[in-house]
N, C-alpha and C. Protein backbone atom coordinates (compact mmCIF):
# COMPACT_ATOMS: atom_id res chain seq x y z
N UNK A 1 -6.62 -11.93 11.45
CA UNK A 1 -6.28 -12.72 10.10
C UNK A 1 -5.10 -12.89 9.86
N UNK A 2 -4.56 -14.42 9.51
CA UNK A 2 -3.13 -14.46 9.27
C UNK A 2 -2.52 -13.94 7.67
N UNK A 3 -1.17 -13.77 7.63
CA UNK A 3 -1.10 -13.45 6.54
C UNK A 3 -1.39 -14.15 5.27
N UNK A 4 -1.45 -15.48 5.27
CA UNK A 4 -1.98 -16.25 4.28
C UNK A 4 -2.98 -15.87 4.20
N UNK A 5 -4.01 -15.45 4.60
CA UNK A 5 -5.50 -14.78 4.52
C UNK A 5 -5.90 -13.77 4.24
N UNK A 6 -4.61 -12.75 4.25
CA UNK A 6 -4.58 -11.31 3.71
C UNK A 6 -4.82 -11.38 2.12
N UNK A 7 -6.15 -10.65 2.20
CA UNK A 7 -6.49 -10.30 0.78
C UNK A 7 -5.13 -9.68 -0.34
N UNK A 8 -5.15 -10.42 -1.55
CA UNK A 8 -4.17 -9.84 -2.75
C UNK A 8 -4.69 -8.37 -3.01
N UNK A 9 -3.68 -7.48 -2.77
CA UNK A 9 -3.91 -6.20 -3.33
C UNK A 9 -3.06 -6.23 -4.62
N UNK A 10 -3.72 -5.61 -5.87
CA UNK A 10 -2.95 -5.66 -7.37
C UNK A 10 -2.77 -4.22 -7.61
N UNK A 11 -1.82 -4.27 -7.98
CA UNK A 11 -1.67 -2.24 -8.50
C UNK A 11 -1.46 -2.40 -9.73
N UNK A 12 -1.94 -1.26 -10.19
CA UNK A 12 -2.03 -0.89 -11.47
C UNK A 12 -0.57 -0.07 -12.05
N UNK A 13 -0.10 0.84 -10.81
CA UNK A 13 1.54 0.81 -10.92
C UNK A 13 1.70 1.53 -9.32
N UNK A 14 2.99 1.72 -8.92
CA UNK A 14 2.99 1.92 -7.38
C UNK A 14 2.34 3.21 -6.93
N UNK A 15 1.75 2.51 -5.71
CA UNK A 15 0.65 2.97 -4.81
C UNK A 15 -0.57 3.57 -5.69
N UNK A 16 -0.92 3.00 -6.49
CA UNK A 16 -2.32 2.78 -7.26
C UNK A 16 -3.02 1.49 -7.65
N UNK A 17 -3.40 0.95 -6.06
CA UNK A 17 -4.67 -0.23 -6.19
C UNK A 17 -5.40 -0.15 -7.43
N UNK A 18 -5.78 -1.42 -8.13
CA UNK A 18 -6.28 -1.53 -9.14
C UNK A 18 -7.90 -1.66 -8.58
N UNK A 19 -8.46 -1.10 -10.00
CA UNK A 19 -10.11 -1.15 -9.25
C UNK A 19 -10.87 -1.69 -10.21
N UNK A 20 -11.67 -2.89 -9.95
CA UNK A 20 -12.13 -4.05 -10.76
C UNK A 20 -13.73 -3.87 -10.30
N UNK A 21 -14.54 -3.75 -11.18
CA UNK A 21 -15.97 -3.79 -11.54
C UNK A 21 -16.55 -4.95 -10.75
N UNK A 22 -17.59 -4.98 -9.97
CA UNK A 22 -18.02 -6.19 -9.55
C UNK A 22 -18.24 -7.25 -10.64
N UNK A 23 -19.15 -6.72 -11.71
CA UNK A 23 -19.71 -7.58 -12.49
C UNK A 23 -19.17 -7.09 -14.09
N UNK A 24 -18.93 -7.73 -15.21
CA UNK A 24 -18.91 -7.28 -16.52
C UNK A 24 -20.06 -6.62 -17.19
N UNK A 25 -21.37 -7.00 -16.42
CA UNK A 25 -22.80 -6.52 -16.94
C UNK A 25 -22.81 -5.00 -16.59
N UNK A 26 -22.24 -4.74 -15.46
CA UNK A 26 -22.81 -3.40 -15.08
C UNK A 26 -21.38 -2.41 -15.86
N UNK A 27 -20.79 -2.61 -16.48
CA UNK A 27 -19.98 -2.14 -17.68
C UNK A 27 -20.54 -1.58 -18.83
N UNK A 28 -21.48 -0.53 -19.06
CA UNK A 28 -22.15 -0.24 -20.20
C UNK A 28 -21.91 1.09 -20.54
N UNK A 29 -20.76 1.14 -20.83
CA UNK A 29 -20.34 2.79 -21.37
C UNK A 29 -20.40 2.69 -22.99
N UNK A 30 -20.27 3.75 -23.36
CA UNK A 30 -19.85 3.66 -25.01
C UNK A 30 -19.78 2.94 -25.68
N UNK A 31 -20.13 2.58 -26.95
CA UNK A 31 -19.67 1.43 -27.85
C UNK A 31 -19.27 2.14 -29.21
N UNK A 32 -19.83 3.41 -29.59
CA UNK A 32 -19.38 3.97 -30.59
C UNK A 32 -19.34 5.38 -30.62
N UNK A 33 -18.96 6.18 -31.47
CA UNK A 33 -18.82 7.39 -31.72
C UNK A 33 -17.70 8.26 -30.87
N UNK A 34 -17.60 9.25 -30.71
CA UNK A 34 -16.36 9.86 -30.03
C UNK A 34 -16.88 10.03 -28.34
N UNK A 35 -15.46 9.73 -27.60
CA UNK A 35 -15.66 10.04 -26.23
C UNK A 35 -14.53 10.63 -25.66
N UNK A 36 -14.51 11.67 -24.82
CA UNK A 36 -13.53 12.58 -24.22
C UNK A 36 -13.52 12.11 -22.44
N UNK A 37 -12.38 11.25 -22.52
CA UNK A 37 -12.02 11.17 -20.96
C UNK A 37 -11.64 12.46 -20.52
N UNK A 38 -12.11 12.29 -19.24
CA UNK A 38 -11.78 13.40 -18.40
C UNK A 38 -10.18 13.59 -18.22
N UNK A 39 -9.69 14.91 -17.71
CA UNK A 39 -8.26 14.81 -17.56
C UNK A 39 -7.79 14.06 -16.72
N UNK A 40 -8.52 13.69 -15.65
CA UNK A 40 -7.90 12.67 -14.58
C UNK A 40 -7.54 11.38 -14.90
N UNK A 41 -8.47 10.70 -16.23
CA UNK A 41 -7.60 9.53 -16.59
C UNK A 41 -7.34 9.59 -17.77
N UNK A 42 -6.88 10.95 -18.70
CA UNK A 42 -5.90 10.97 -19.77
C UNK A 42 -5.45 12.53 -19.78
N UNK A 43 -4.37 12.82 -19.49
CA UNK A 43 -3.71 14.00 -19.14
C UNK A 43 -3.10 14.73 -20.39
N UNK A 44 -3.44 14.12 -21.92
CA UNK A 44 -3.15 14.74 -23.12
C UNK A 44 -4.05 16.04 -23.40
N UNK A 45 -3.49 16.77 -23.89
CA UNK A 45 -4.63 17.96 -24.51
C UNK A 45 -5.44 17.63 -25.57
N UNK A 46 -5.08 16.48 -26.44
CA UNK A 46 -6.22 15.60 -27.08
C UNK A 46 -6.80 14.55 -26.62
N UNK A 47 -7.98 14.63 -25.72
CA UNK A 47 -8.67 13.86 -24.73
C UNK A 47 -9.65 12.86 -25.38
N UNK A 48 -9.97 12.85 -26.77
CA UNK A 48 -11.20 12.50 -27.30
C UNK A 48 -10.91 11.32 -28.38
N UNK A 49 -11.70 10.41 -28.10
CA UNK A 49 -11.36 8.85 -28.56
C UNK A 49 -12.43 8.53 -29.41
N UNK A 50 -12.05 8.18 -31.10
CA UNK A 50 -12.70 7.70 -31.79
C UNK A 50 -13.19 6.23 -31.66
N UNK A 51 -13.93 5.76 -31.35
CA UNK A 51 -13.99 4.33 -31.06
C UNK A 51 -14.81 3.55 -32.39
N UNK A 52 -14.83 4.29 -33.37
CA UNK A 52 -14.87 3.92 -34.74
C UNK A 52 -13.61 3.17 -34.99
N UNK A 53 -12.35 3.48 -34.48
CA UNK A 53 -11.35 2.98 -34.52
C UNK A 53 -10.36 2.56 -33.30
N UNK A 54 -10.28 1.01 -33.92
CA UNK A 54 -9.85 -0.27 -33.29
C UNK A 54 -8.88 0.25 -32.18
N UNK A 55 -7.59 1.06 -33.12
CA UNK A 55 -6.73 1.42 -31.90
C UNK A 55 -7.30 2.31 -30.98
N UNK A 56 -7.77 3.43 -31.53
CA UNK A 56 -8.27 4.32 -30.34
C UNK A 56 -9.27 3.69 -29.10
N UNK A 57 -9.98 2.95 -29.61
CA UNK A 57 -10.73 1.96 -28.50
C UNK A 57 -9.53 1.53 -27.86
N UNK A 58 -9.32 0.52 -28.18
CA UNK A 58 -7.91 -0.07 -27.11
C UNK A 58 -7.22 0.95 -26.61
N UNK A 59 -6.96 1.93 -26.77
CA UNK A 59 -5.97 2.86 -26.41
C UNK A 59 -6.67 3.16 -24.88
N UNK A 60 -8.06 3.78 -25.43
CA UNK A 60 -8.89 4.22 -24.52
C UNK A 60 -9.19 3.30 -22.98
N UNK A 61 -9.73 1.80 -23.79
CA UNK A 61 -9.65 1.04 -22.45
C UNK A 61 -8.44 0.74 -22.07
N UNK A 62 -7.30 0.88 -22.24
CA UNK A 62 -6.10 0.59 -21.63
C UNK A 62 -5.68 1.56 -20.50
N UNK A 63 -6.11 3.14 -21.20
CA UNK A 63 -6.04 4.11 -19.84
C UNK A 63 -7.25 4.00 -19.06
N UNK A 64 -8.01 3.81 -19.34
CA UNK A 64 -9.27 3.69 -18.48
C UNK A 64 -8.91 2.71 -17.33
N UNK A 65 -8.62 1.42 -17.63
CA UNK A 65 -8.50 0.32 -16.70
C UNK A 65 -7.12 0.45 -15.70
N UNK A 66 -6.30 1.23 -16.63
CA UNK A 66 -5.14 1.74 -15.54
C UNK A 66 -5.17 2.49 -14.53
N UNK A 67 -6.25 3.86 -14.92
CA UNK A 67 -6.18 5.36 -14.16
C UNK A 67 -7.37 5.17 -13.52
N UNK A 68 -8.30 4.34 -13.72
CA UNK A 68 -9.49 4.39 -12.72
C UNK A 68 -9.07 4.23 -11.25
N UNK A 69 -9.69 5.12 -10.79
CA UNK A 69 -9.65 4.97 -9.26
C UNK A 69 -11.20 4.84 -8.57
N UNK A 70 -12.34 5.13 -9.35
CA UNK A 70 -13.47 4.57 -8.58
C UNK A 70 -13.98 3.41 -9.98
N UNK A 71 -15.43 2.91 -9.19
CA UNK A 71 -16.00 1.91 -10.17
C UNK A 71 -16.84 2.74 -11.47
N UNK A 72 -17.51 3.93 -10.78
CA UNK A 72 -18.15 4.40 -11.71
C UNK A 72 -17.52 5.10 -12.92
N UNK A 73 -16.13 5.10 -12.69
CA UNK A 73 -15.43 5.41 -13.92
C UNK A 73 -15.05 4.54 -14.83
N UNK A 74 -15.34 3.20 -14.30
CA UNK A 74 -15.10 2.26 -15.32
C UNK A 74 -16.68 1.96 -16.19
N UNK A 75 -17.55 2.41 -15.02
CA UNK A 75 -18.97 2.14 -15.68
C UNK A 75 -19.15 3.06 -16.89
N UNK A 76 -18.79 4.25 -16.51
CA UNK A 76 -18.60 5.42 -17.39
C UNK A 76 -18.06 5.17 -18.92
N UNK A 77 -16.99 4.73 -19.07
CA UNK A 77 -16.07 4.59 -20.15
C UNK A 77 -16.00 3.46 -20.62
N UNK A 78 -16.62 1.64 -20.24
CA UNK A 78 -16.32 0.43 -20.46
C UNK A 78 -17.35 0.04 -20.92
N UNK A 79 -17.35 -1.04 -21.54
CA UNK A 79 -18.97 -1.65 -22.15
C UNK A 79 -18.20 -3.27 -21.81
N UNK A 80 -18.81 -3.90 -20.96
CA UNK A 80 -18.37 -5.42 -20.46
C UNK A 80 -18.40 -6.35 -21.61
N UNK A 81 -19.20 -6.48 -22.78
CA UNK A 81 -18.95 -7.14 -24.00
C UNK A 81 -17.59 -6.50 -24.95
N UNK A 82 -17.59 -5.16 -25.08
CA UNK A 82 -16.30 -4.79 -25.76
C UNK A 82 -15.20 -5.50 -24.94
N UNK A 83 -15.13 -5.10 -23.63
CA UNK A 83 -13.81 -5.93 -22.90
C UNK A 83 -13.40 -7.05 -22.90
N UNK A 84 -14.66 -8.02 -22.98
CA UNK A 84 -14.29 -9.05 -23.36
C UNK A 84 -13.81 -9.77 -24.68
N UNK A 85 -14.19 -9.02 -25.15
CA UNK A 85 -13.59 -8.85 -27.06
C UNK A 85 -12.16 -8.44 -27.08
N UNK A 86 -11.87 -7.59 -26.33
CA UNK A 86 -10.68 -6.65 -26.75
C UNK A 86 -9.46 -7.38 -25.57
N UNK A 87 -9.85 -8.06 -24.56
CA UNK A 87 -9.10 -8.29 -23.59
C UNK A 87 -7.75 -9.01 -23.93
N UNK A 88 -7.63 -9.78 -24.92
CA UNK A 88 -6.38 -10.39 -24.83
C UNK A 88 -5.23 -9.71 -26.12
N UNK A 89 -5.82 -8.46 -26.45
CA UNK A 89 -5.04 -7.55 -27.38
C UNK A 89 -4.86 -6.53 -26.16
N UNK A 90 -5.32 -5.99 -25.43
CA UNK A 90 -5.18 -5.01 -24.52
C UNK A 90 -3.66 -4.78 -24.03
N UNK A 91 -2.93 -4.32 -23.89
CA UNK A 91 -1.51 -4.05 -23.05
C UNK A 91 -1.78 -3.54 -22.04
N UNK A 92 -1.80 -4.18 -20.91
CA UNK A 92 -2.16 -4.00 -19.34
C UNK A 92 -0.71 -4.16 -18.56
N UNK A 93 -0.47 -3.33 -17.62
CA UNK A 93 0.07 -3.97 -16.63
C UNK A 93 -0.18 -5.09 -16.08
N UNK A 94 1.17 -5.90 -15.54
CA UNK A 94 0.34 -7.21 -14.85
C UNK A 94 -0.98 -6.84 -13.90
N UNK A 95 -0.15 -6.01 -12.90
CA UNK A 95 -1.24 -6.24 -11.81
C UNK A 95 -2.83 -5.84 -12.26
N UNK A 96 -2.95 -5.18 -13.33
CA UNK A 96 -4.19 -4.77 -13.78
C UNK A 96 -4.66 -5.94 -14.61
N UNK A 97 -4.11 -6.68 -15.21
CA UNK A 97 -4.63 -7.93 -16.01
C UNK A 97 -5.00 -8.88 -14.56
N UNK A 98 -4.00 -9.04 -13.87
CA UNK A 98 -3.98 -10.23 -12.80
C UNK A 98 -5.42 -9.90 -11.92
N UNK A 99 -5.56 -8.78 -11.31
CA UNK A 99 -6.87 -8.43 -10.50
C UNK A 99 -7.91 -8.62 -11.52
N UNK A 100 -8.17 -8.34 -12.84
CA UNK A 100 -9.73 -8.47 -13.50
C UNK A 100 -9.72 -9.92 -13.89
N UNK A 101 -8.47 -10.42 -13.97
CA UNK A 101 -8.60 -11.78 -14.22
C UNK A 101 -9.12 -12.69 -13.01
N UNK A 102 -8.63 -12.31 -11.88
CA UNK A 102 -8.95 -13.38 -10.44
C UNK A 102 -10.47 -12.80 -10.29
N UNK A 103 -11.04 -11.50 -10.65
CA UNK A 103 -12.20 -11.39 -10.34
C UNK A 103 -13.44 -11.66 -11.18
N UNK A 104 -12.65 -11.69 -12.54
CA UNK A 104 -13.89 -12.53 -13.71
C UNK A 104 -13.09 -13.51 -14.76
N UNK A 105 -12.85 -14.60 -14.05
CA UNK A 105 -12.31 -15.90 -14.88
C UNK A 105 -12.78 -16.03 -16.39
N UNK A 106 -13.87 -15.18 -16.86
CA UNK A 106 -14.33 -15.22 -18.22
C UNK A 106 -12.98 -14.60 -19.02
N UNK A 107 -12.54 -13.41 -18.53
CA UNK A 107 -11.27 -12.84 -19.15
C UNK A 107 -10.21 -14.07 -19.34
N UNK A 108 -9.82 -14.51 -18.44
CA UNK A 108 -8.59 -15.40 -18.18
C UNK A 108 -8.75 -16.54 -19.57
N UNK A 109 -10.36 -17.10 -19.21
CA UNK A 109 -10.49 -17.98 -20.50
C UNK A 109 -10.49 -17.35 -22.05
N UNK A 110 -10.90 -16.17 -22.06
CA UNK A 110 -10.85 -15.71 -23.22
C UNK A 110 -9.54 -15.36 -23.73
N UNK A 111 -8.50 -14.87 -22.88
CA UNK A 111 -6.77 -15.04 -23.38
C UNK A 111 -6.24 -16.35 -23.41
N UNK A 112 -6.67 -17.37 -22.73
CA UNK A 112 -6.43 -18.49 -23.05
C UNK A 112 -6.45 -19.20 -24.88
N UNK A 113 -7.76 -18.81 -24.94
CA UNK A 113 -8.62 -18.94 -26.12
C UNK A 113 -7.96 -18.10 -27.11
N UNK A 114 -7.20 -16.96 -27.17
CA UNK A 114 -6.63 -16.38 -28.29
C UNK A 114 -5.61 -16.97 -28.64
């Protein structure tokens, strides 16, 4: 394989490849209530997020998108429709945004429309 044909690997942070779900439809995580992230995803003593509060919802999504190392983590905590709705407002590392938009052009279109 030539260097130009090598797949692009986006990084969430140094030495941490971004994990992207194959489809947005497979993301069927909670959309309301309190959600407690595992210590691996959020190492703050207060790990519960009240999804009725928009800022907490966005904060949880940003952390899950940045810290996930397995697709099952994405499936457990993210909802596809909610992700699309929040996408343009999320504060994400460039690598995370690039990886997700490359796999899901719908997100890029949503960003352009915002």
